[in-house]
């Protein structure tokens, strides 16, 4: 503008003249689109150039910056790791891809770029430049900036001395026009490059001049449902060994596999100790690429209902990812992460454990922002020994950098987190004090730090579970009116304190899980529920209690005896300790069905056991469906 004015151009003519100026091709060149994305192409191919262009873009209005870049072959090897460092300085996510490898092995170039860079940082590898650009654009949301560095105005890619047609602008425009509107559950938003697996496994660079770029769009653990273009992780389970199906998977040249059996003479197969651990490590890194506040939730009881309450509240504002069903182990967590989409803003992960070290592994995979431990009880004692063992395992969730810790104030074992978290409970010393609990005809009302709340549930444990959900939502900036509206909608949890009308009576179904704490809570609720009606209970074993199994079943039996309830039927090896009437005890569900008792139509019937007893098989009979 100054030059034009000095040359005699009138001030009023400047706007029209400036609007006619065209940007230099390949220098922060914008790719117009209707998706409210700032997509820019720039020639930057050195650490300083990447740093400078990102500095400029960072001054523009934006939410996130996603950068795609590579490094040219046959030059400046020492600058390669500095390029990634520069990109990470201003970017929220970085995808490293091929540039012009020229005569150099492209795998070697990218190994140089990511050398000594922390695995946990948000960088990803997709050597195929076209797939990298498409993945970055698919990851981006309205208001984000996508910067594609390295080639700028060039319209070719030089590989092994041959120039192939390649134009970043055309590739970006095509990607913008073809963003898929639907994502399969096993599909990756960011394609998986096998080089990531090689790096994690420590596989060295082979003595070869060139390795073709490959990438995979799906992750699979089931060979029966595998799609072309899948990375298959051969998991050895109780009933099937995925390693037995690797050969079948690799018959499709578009697939790769990770397994724990013998080496194969196939560059698409990678041997490891445990395929599920490799899958978790890859998906841990994948998760870091998304704009997501991550919540990890554990406890001995109440995990699923609390997860659903949290989801119900958070989903009033935005899209939320959550653990499906009861997939709270490592493989289930991987399935949940696979379902993440770019427009998810929160993720609620339910995590469980029955062996030492599992909570740590799950939490390491999630790298949560918030950690919640609901309670500690006698669950999975077969492996943990006692409740202190359970506490040791569950509290591993808190042994990491967290923005928020929520824990039960009524358990003194959590006192060590008093200055590093928020406590909830009935204790007057809690940060969030529960008081004035009143059970009504349509649910329960209570106060949380003197604020009144109503929940449409009659089971008392929903008070503490909903209090955890409220405290989290308030911490995240949700207004009480939003929270109340969400909590007013009753959850439908299959086989978890599910109350159904049965004739003039009620059926209480709670046979998804059981431990001494949840069994006692269920019995107390059942005993107090419509006390004027006849009461019957069909109770099964509480599993995985180890050497304490007999003691805990006898303890529940004593509680039942004190209540003077006579209508008890038991199923399983230890459930006979619930009562003294052998005529009402059955070794298994099939035996119970063969001699099924008749219950009055006005009875209140509780069905409660660990899932392994399979009391769900008797539900059709109780409902009159068979």
Foldseek 3Di string as FASTA:
>chain_A
DVVCVVVPDDPVCVVVVVVPDDDDFQCQCFQDADQQETEGGHQDAFLVSLLVVLVVVLPDFFDFEEEEEEHEAPDDLVRQLSNVVSNLVRGLAYEYEAAANAQAARLVRVCSNCPPPDLLGRYAYQHPRLLQLLLSVQLDHNRYYYYYYNQGNDQWHHDNNDTDGHDSSVSNNVSSVDRDPDDDLFFASRWHWCSVVCVVVVPDDDPDRYDDGATAGGEDADPVPDDQRYEYEFADDPPDTRVVCQVVQVVRVRYAYEEADDDDPDPRYHHDNGSLLSLLSVLLNSLSNAQEAEEEEEEDDDLVVLQVLLCLLVPVVFAEQEQPDPLAFSVSLSSSSSNDGRRHHYYYHYHDDLAAPRLLSSCSSNVHQEYEYQYFDLALCQHQVHSVSSCVRNCSNVVHDYNEYEYAPVDCVCVVCVVPHAHEECDPPGNWHWADWDADPQFIWIDTVNHIATARDRQVVVVSSLVVSVVVCVVVPDDPVSSRVSRNDDDQDPQCQHWDQFQQAIEGGNAAADDLVVLVSLVVSLCPPPVVAQEAEEEEAHPNSNPCRLVSLLVCLVVLVVSVRDRYAYEDDRNCSNDPDPVRYYPAPVRCVVVPDDDDRHYYYYYYYHCVRVPVVCVCVSNVVD
